[in-house]
Each structure stands twice: as C-alpha cells, then as structure tokens.
Amino acid sequence: MKNTRQAAATVALIACAIGGAATAHAQTRPLEGWKPPAQREADPAKRIPPVSTPAPVARDATAPQARDAAAPRTSATGNPPAAPMIHAYEIPAPAPAPEARQAHVESRGGFFVGAKGGRGWVYDDVDQSTRELNAGYRWQAGSVTLIGIELARGELGAKTEDGFFVDDVDYASIGVNARFNFGRTSPVYALVRAGYWAAEEKGDDAMDVDGGYFGLGLGVDVNRHVNLGLTYTNYVYFDSYYWDAGYYEVNRADTLMLGAEVRF
C-alpha cells in the first residue's frame, strides 16, 4: 500500500514537471496573429487597374517657402483643402504712343476771307496808304501745312508829295499761297504767296500795268476760325513814268499791311 502511494506521488510529480515545462515552452514561443487568406486572382471582368502613385517632387532645401507651399495641408475637418481659385483679371490695352495720339490733327483748311490795311510805295520815298480784300480756299497738306489759292483786290490811295500829286492805283491779283505753322500745336505761322497781278492808275495820264508778285507774312491763329497777320508783298512790272523832270523807270511797288482773316 505504501509503494502504491509512492508510485502515485512520483507520477503526479512527473506530470507537474512535464506540465510546467510545457507551459514554459509555450511562453517562450511568439504569438502568431491571424493572417488573411491568400488573395485569389480577381475575376477578369471585375479587374480594377492599379492607381499610379505620382513620383515625389524634388524640393529645394534652400527654399522653405516653396517647400511649405508644396506641402499638403488639411482643413480643420481633416479633409484636404479645395483647389485654389484662379482669378482672371482683364489686362488693359497699352496706351498709344505720343505719335499715335497726335496722328489725328484737326483740319484747318477751308474757305477764308481777309481784310488788310497799311502802307504802299509805287514811287521811291512816296508813302501811300493801301487797303486790300482777299478770299480763297486752302487745303490741309500736312500736320502743319496749308496750301491754297487766293484772289485779291486792293487800292493805293492818292497823295501829294513835295508839290507833286500821285494818283491812286487800283489793282487785282490771283495766285497761290501756303501756310506753315511752327509746330502742330503752335498758333504762330509763316505765309508765302505768289501769282499774277494787274494795276490801273487813275488820272489824266492813267496807264495800265501788269506783272507778278511775291509776298511773305507772319501771323498767329487766334482760334480755329480767326487769325491775324502781317504781310509784305513785292509787285513787279515794266513801264516808265515822266517823273521829276525826267523819265523815271518804275518797275516795282511794295506794300506792308496788317490784316485779319476769317476761316470757315
């Protein structure tokens, strides 16, 4: 009976030792987690193409601002921010160059009528009063140039000089003229005129003469329709007069007149 108890105790001791060893061996082995079953090939009709991942963008380490701008940001809700809004602005057209702005010049051409008065000389040292009416038309020939035609009718008044009486002279002319302003915006201009003229002296020994004339002038535009000017004109002709106890060859007459002109 004693032997049986000892044998039972020995078997129990051996069982406990084997159980403890098994427990220790189990604790030294790593725990294996649950693994999903191997993925099977999908149905060809239901295959989804793989999503390509964009290649990483190289960033310059020396540009922190660019690095921060390139880094993705999330909103307070954790969602990525919406795409930035692009504002389109209308770009104004470039201003025209000064030459282009001044390309359009107000036309100063048109009909004109003028009146002048001043002094005239048919004989040397004989100063006669003179007056003239003229009219015509000018065309714009450039930004500062006007070219036109003119008609004129004038008179040199009679005068007594050193006991001698000088008859008055009527004359008429037809010719061309040109005006040149000193700049596109300058009101000051120069005038050139030339043409044909004929004159008739009144009195008992009256005679008729004719020839050509040439004149220069300087004026200023008061506004678009009115201008003032001073004009010198030289009239050339060929004839002779009995003057101062002899024959005096008169081949020219001169006038210097100040006048006003109205343009339409």
Protein backbone atom coordinates (compact mmCIF):
# COMPACT_ATOMS: atom_id res chain seq x y z
CA MET A 1 0.00 0.00 0.00
CA LYS A 2 2.90 2.29 0.78
CA ASN A 3 4.55 1.51 -2.51
CA THR A 4 1.34 2.35 -4.37
CA ARG A 5 1.16 5.79 -2.73
CA GLN A 6 4.79 6.48 -3.51
CA ALA A 7 4.25 5.49 -7.12
CA ALA A 8 1.22 7.75 -7.36
CA ALA A 9 3.13 10.65 -5.82
CA THR A 10 6.03 10.06 -8.22
CA VAL A 11 3.66 10.02 -11.23
CA ALA A 12 1.99 13.26 -10.03
CA LEU A 13 5.37 14.94 -9.55
CA ILE A 14 6.48 13.87 -13.01
CA ALA A 15 3.19 15.16 -14.50
CA CYS A 16 3.59 18.52 -12.79
CA ALA A 17 7.15 18.80 -14.07
CA ILE A 18 6.06 17.96 -17.60
CA GLY A 19 3.16 20.47 -17.38
CA GLY A 20 5.44 23.24 -16.10
CA ALA A 21 7.97 22.56 -18.84
CA ALA A 22 5.23 22.67 -21.46
CA THR A 23 3.93 25.94 -20.05
CA ALA A 24 7.40 27.46 -20.06
CA HIS A 25 7.99 26.28 -23.62
CA ALA A 26 4.66 27.78 -24.69
CA GLN A 27 5.53 31.14 -23.11
CA THR A 28 8.85 31.29 -24.96
CA ARG A 29 7.20 30.86 -28.40
CA PRO A 30 5.97 34.06 -30.12
CA LEU A 31 2.26 34.63 -30.51
CA GLU A 32 1.10 34.26 -34.08
CA GLY A 33 -1.65 36.67 -35.20
CA TRP A 34 -4.46 35.97 -37.60
CA LYS A 35 -3.49 36.17 -41.22
CA PRO A 36 -5.96 36.75 -44.05
CA PRO A 37 -6.23 34.06 -46.62
CA ALA A 38 -4.08 34.34 -49.70
CA GLN A 39 -5.61 36.70 -52.28
CA ARG A 40 -7.05 34.92 -55.19
CA GLU A 41 -6.86 36.25 -58.73
CA ALA A 42 -9.82 38.53 -59.36
CA ASP A 43 -12.36 37.88 -61.97
CA PRO A 44 -11.01 39.32 -65.30
CA ALA A 45 -14.33 41.08 -65.82
CA LYS A 46 -14.02 42.85 -62.48
CA ARG A 47 -10.36 43.81 -62.54
CA ILE A 48 -9.61 47.38 -61.47
CA PRO A 49 -6.44 48.98 -62.86
CA PRO A 50 -3.97 49.87 -60.15
CA VAL A 51 -3.78 53.51 -59.13
CA SER A 52 -0.50 55.06 -60.17
CA THR A 53 1.26 56.93 -57.46
CA PRO A 54 2.84 60.22 -58.63
CA ALA A 55 6.56 60.39 -58.31
CA PRO A 56 7.78 62.50 -55.43
CA VAL A 57 8.62 66.08 -56.38
CA ALA A 58 12.12 67.20 -55.63
CA ARG A 59 12.18 70.15 -53.31
CA ASP A 60 14.84 72.71 -52.91
CA ALA A 61 16.08 72.70 -49.36
CA THR A 62 17.11 76.33 -49.78
CA ALA A 63 13.53 77.46 -50.46
CA PRO A 64 11.50 76.93 -47.30
CA GLN A 65 8.62 78.99 -48.62
CA ALA A 66 8.31 76.80 -51.72
CA ARG A 67 8.59 73.68 -49.52
CA ASP A 68 5.80 74.90 -47.28
CA ALA A 69 3.65 75.79 -50.27
CA ALA A 70 4.18 72.34 -51.81
CA ALA A 71 3.34 70.50 -48.57
CA PRO A 72 -0.29 69.33 -48.47
CA ARG A 73 -2.49 70.94 -45.91
CA THR A 74 -5.64 69.73 -44.30
CA SER A 75 -8.60 71.68 -43.10
CA ALA A 76 -9.97 71.60 -39.55
CA THR A 77 -12.21 68.68 -40.52
CA GLY A 78 -9.25 66.62 -41.65
CA ASN A 79 -10.22 66.79 -45.34
CA PRO A 80 -7.79 68.12 -47.95
CA PRO A 81 -8.43 71.77 -48.91
CA ALA A 82 -10.31 72.61 -52.05
CA ALA A 83 -8.40 73.52 -55.18
CA PRO A 84 -7.24 77.16 -55.15
CA MET A 85 -9.42 79.62 -57.08
CA ILE A 86 -7.80 81.32 -60.04
CA HIS A 87 -8.93 84.92 -60.56
CA ALA A 88 -8.86 86.27 -64.10
CA TYR A 89 -8.13 89.94 -64.49
CA GLU A 90 -8.66 91.95 -67.66
CA ILE A 91 -5.38 93.40 -68.85
CA PRO A 92 -5.89 96.98 -70.10
CA ALA A 93 -4.69 97.78 -73.59
CA PRO A 94 -1.39 99.68 -73.72
CA ALA A 95 -1.65 103.42 -74.10
CA PRO A 96 -0.99 104.65 -77.64
CA ALA A 97 2.37 106.22 -78.35
CA PRO A 98 2.57 110.04 -78.46
CA GLU A 99 2.97 109.84 -82.23
CA ALA A 100 -0.20 107.82 -82.48
CA ARG A 101 -2.17 110.17 -80.26
CA GLN A 102 -1.05 113.11 -82.38
CA ALA A 103 -1.65 111.35 -85.68
CA HIS A 104 -5.15 112.83 -85.85
CA VAL A 105 -4.70 116.54 -86.47
CA GLU A 106 -7.69 118.86 -86.66
CA SER A 107 -8.03 120.16 -90.20
CA ARG A 108 -7.52 123.90 -90.53
CA GLY A 109 -8.38 124.00 -94.22
CA GLY A 110 -11.41 125.67 -95.75
CA PHE A 111 -12.61 128.93 -97.26
CA PHE A 112 -11.18 132.19 -95.96
CA VAL A 113 -11.91 135.90 -96.29
CA GLY A 114 -9.49 138.62 -95.18
CA ALA A 115 -9.09 142.36 -94.95
CA LYS A 116 -5.79 144.28 -94.73
CA GLY A 117 -4.59 147.83 -94.40
CA GLY A 118 -1.20 149.53 -94.35
CA ARG A 119 1.27 151.43 -96.49
CA GLY A 120 2.38 151.12 -100.11
CA TRP A 121 5.11 152.54 -102.33
CA VAL A 122 4.89 152.93 -106.09
CA TYR A 123 7.50 155.69 -106.33
CA ASP A 124 10.58 155.98 -104.18
CA ASP A 125 10.01 157.92 -100.98
CA VAL A 126 6.30 158.34 -101.78
CA ASP A 127 4.34 156.74 -98.98
CA GLN A 128 0.76 155.86 -99.92
CA SER A 129 -2.00 154.33 -97.88
CA THR A 130 -3.24 150.95 -99.07
CA ARG A 131 -6.06 148.54 -98.34
CA GLU A 132 -6.96 145.12 -99.69
CA LEU A 133 -9.65 142.45 -99.58
CA ASN A 134 -8.78 138.85 -100.33
CA ALA A 135 -10.53 135.48 -100.39
CA GLY A 136 -9.73 131.90 -101.31
CA TYR A 137 -9.53 128.31 -100.21
CA ARG A 138 -6.80 126.26 -98.50
CA TRP A 139 -6.31 122.51 -98.21
CA GLN A 140 -4.60 120.67 -95.38
CA ALA A 141 -1.33 119.40 -96.90
CA GLY A 142 0.31 118.09 -93.72
CA SER A 143 0.21 118.36 -89.96
CA VAL A 144 1.49 121.97 -90.10
CA THR A 145 0.98 122.94 -93.76
CA LEU A 146 -1.91 124.53 -95.67
CA ILE A 147 -1.83 125.20 -99.43
CA GLY A 148 -4.45 127.16 -101.34
CA ILE A 149 -5.49 129.66 -103.98
CA GLU A 150 -6.36 133.34 -103.48
CA LEU A 151 -7.98 136.30 -105.16
CA ALA A 152 -7.33 139.90 -104.06
CA ARG A 153 -8.50 143.39 -104.87
CA GLY A 154 -6.71 146.46 -103.49
CA GLU A 155 -6.10 150.16 -103.80
CA LEU A 156 -3.23 152.58 -103.14
CA GLY A 157 -4.56 155.98 -102.13
CA ALA A 158 -3.73 159.25 -103.90
CA LYS A 159 -1.18 161.52 -102.26
CA THR A 160 0.62 164.83 -102.75
CA GLU A 161 4.38 164.68 -102.17
CA ASP A 162 6.66 167.74 -102.48
CA GLY A 163 4.09 169.54 -104.62
CA PHE A 164 3.51 166.61 -106.91
CA PHE A 165 0.23 164.75 -106.96
CA VAL A 166 0.29 160.98 -107.09
CA ASP A 167 -2.88 159.31 -108.40
CA ASP A 168 -4.42 156.38 -106.65
CA VAL A 169 -3.94 152.91 -108.10
CA ASP A 170 -6.41 150.06 -108.26
CA TYR A 171 -5.06 146.52 -108.60
CA ALA A 172 -6.21 142.91 -108.60
CA SER A 173 -4.33 139.64 -108.28
CA ILE A 174 -4.73 135.90 -108.47
CA GLY A 175 -2.26 133.38 -107.13
CA VAL A 176 -1.39 130.68 -104.65
CA ASN A 177 -0.37 130.76 -101.01
CA ALA A 178 0.96 128.37 -98.39
CA ARG A 179 0.94 128.49 -94.60
CA PHE A 180 3.38 126.72 -92.27
CA ASN A 181 2.71 126.57 -88.54
CA PHE A 182 5.74 126.37 -86.25
CA GLY A 183 4.68 123.05 -84.73
CA ARG A 184 1.49 121.02 -84.54
CA THR A 185 0.17 122.90 -81.55
CA SER A 186 1.83 126.26 -82.25
CA PRO A 187 -0.54 129.10 -83.26
CA VAL A 188 2.27 131.04 -84.97
CA TYR A 189 2.64 130.54 -88.71
CA ALA A 190 4.60 131.80 -91.74
CA LEU A 191 2.92 132.69 -95.04
CA VAL A 192 4.21 132.62 -98.63
CA ARG A 193 2.20 133.96 -101.57
CA ALA A 194 2.87 134.44 -105.28
CA GLY A 195 0.95 135.00 -108.51
CA TYR A 196 -0.11 137.40 -111.24
CA TRP A 197 -1.37 140.98 -110.78
CA ALA A 198 -2.60 143.90 -112.88
CA ALA A 199 -2.98 147.57 -111.90
CA GLU A 200 -4.65 150.67 -113.28
CA GLU A 201 -3.63 154.20 -112.39
CA LYS A 202 -6.39 156.79 -112.27
CA GLY A 203 -5.99 160.31 -113.64
CA ASP A 204 -5.42 162.08 -116.95
CA ASP A 205 -2.25 160.19 -117.80
CA ALA A 206 -3.51 156.89 -116.44
CA MET A 207 -1.84 153.71 -117.62
CA ASP A 208 -2.30 150.03 -117.07
CA VAL A 209 0.46 147.70 -115.96
CA ASP A 210 0.71 144.04 -115.06
CA GLY A 211 3.28 141.60 -113.81
CA GLY A 212 3.91 139.20 -110.98
CA TYR A 213 4.02 139.42 -107.21
CA PHE A 214 5.69 137.59 -104.34
CA GLY A 215 4.95 138.02 -100.64
CA LEU A 216 5.98 136.84 -97.18
CA GLY A 217 4.00 137.01 -93.97
CA LEU A 218 3.95 136.15 -90.29
CA GLY A 219 0.80 135.59 -88.28
CA VAL A 220 -0.91 133.97 -85.32
CA ASP A 221 -4.10 131.93 -85.05
CA VAL A 222 -6.45 133.45 -82.50
CA ASN A 223 -8.62 130.33 -82.74
CA ARG A 224 -9.76 127.79 -85.31
CA HIS A 225 -11.59 130.45 -87.37
CA VAL A 226 -9.68 133.73 -86.91
CA ASN A 227 -6.06 134.77 -87.39
CA LEU A 228 -4.04 137.99 -87.51
CA GLY A 229 -1.06 138.54 -89.79
CA LEU A 230 1.50 140.99 -91.15
CA THR A 231 2.30 140.64 -94.86
CA TYR A 232 4.92 142.21 -97.12
CA THR A 233 4.35 141.94 -100.89
CA ASN A 234 6.55 142.98 -103.79
CA TYR A 235 4.82 143.71 -107.13
CA VAL A 236 6.98 143.69 -110.26
CA TYR A 237 6.02 145.31 -113.58
CA PHE A 238 7.71 147.07 -116.53
CA ASP A 239 6.81 150.61 -117.62
CA SER A 240 8.06 154.16 -117.38
CA TYR A 241 6.69 157.43 -116.00
CA TYR A 242 7.58 161.03 -116.51
CA TRP A 243 8.67 162.00 -113.02
CA ASP A 244 10.73 164.84 -111.54
CA ALA A 245 11.78 166.46 -114.84
CA GLY A 246 12.74 163.20 -116.50
CA TYR A 247 11.76 159.65 -117.22
CA TYR A 248 11.69 157.56 -114.11
CA GLU A 249 11.61 153.82 -114.65
CA VAL A 250 9.08 152.27 -112.27
CA ASN A 251 9.37 148.52 -112.16
CA ARG A 252 8.16 147.63 -108.72
CA ALA A 253 5.72 148.52 -105.99
CA ASP A 254 5.70 147.39 -102.38
CA THR A 255 3.04 147.03 -99.71
CA LEU A 256 3.24 146.29 -96.00
CA MET A 257 -0.13 145.51 -94.45
CA LEU A 258 -1.60 144.21 -91.22
CA GLY A 259 -4.83 142.27 -91.50
CA ALA A 260 -7.29 139.78 -90.11
CA GLU A 261 -8.65 136.63 -91.71
CA VAL A 262 -11.79 134.60 -91.07
CA ARG A 263 -11.88 130.88 -91.97
CA PHE A 264 -14.94 128.71 -92.48
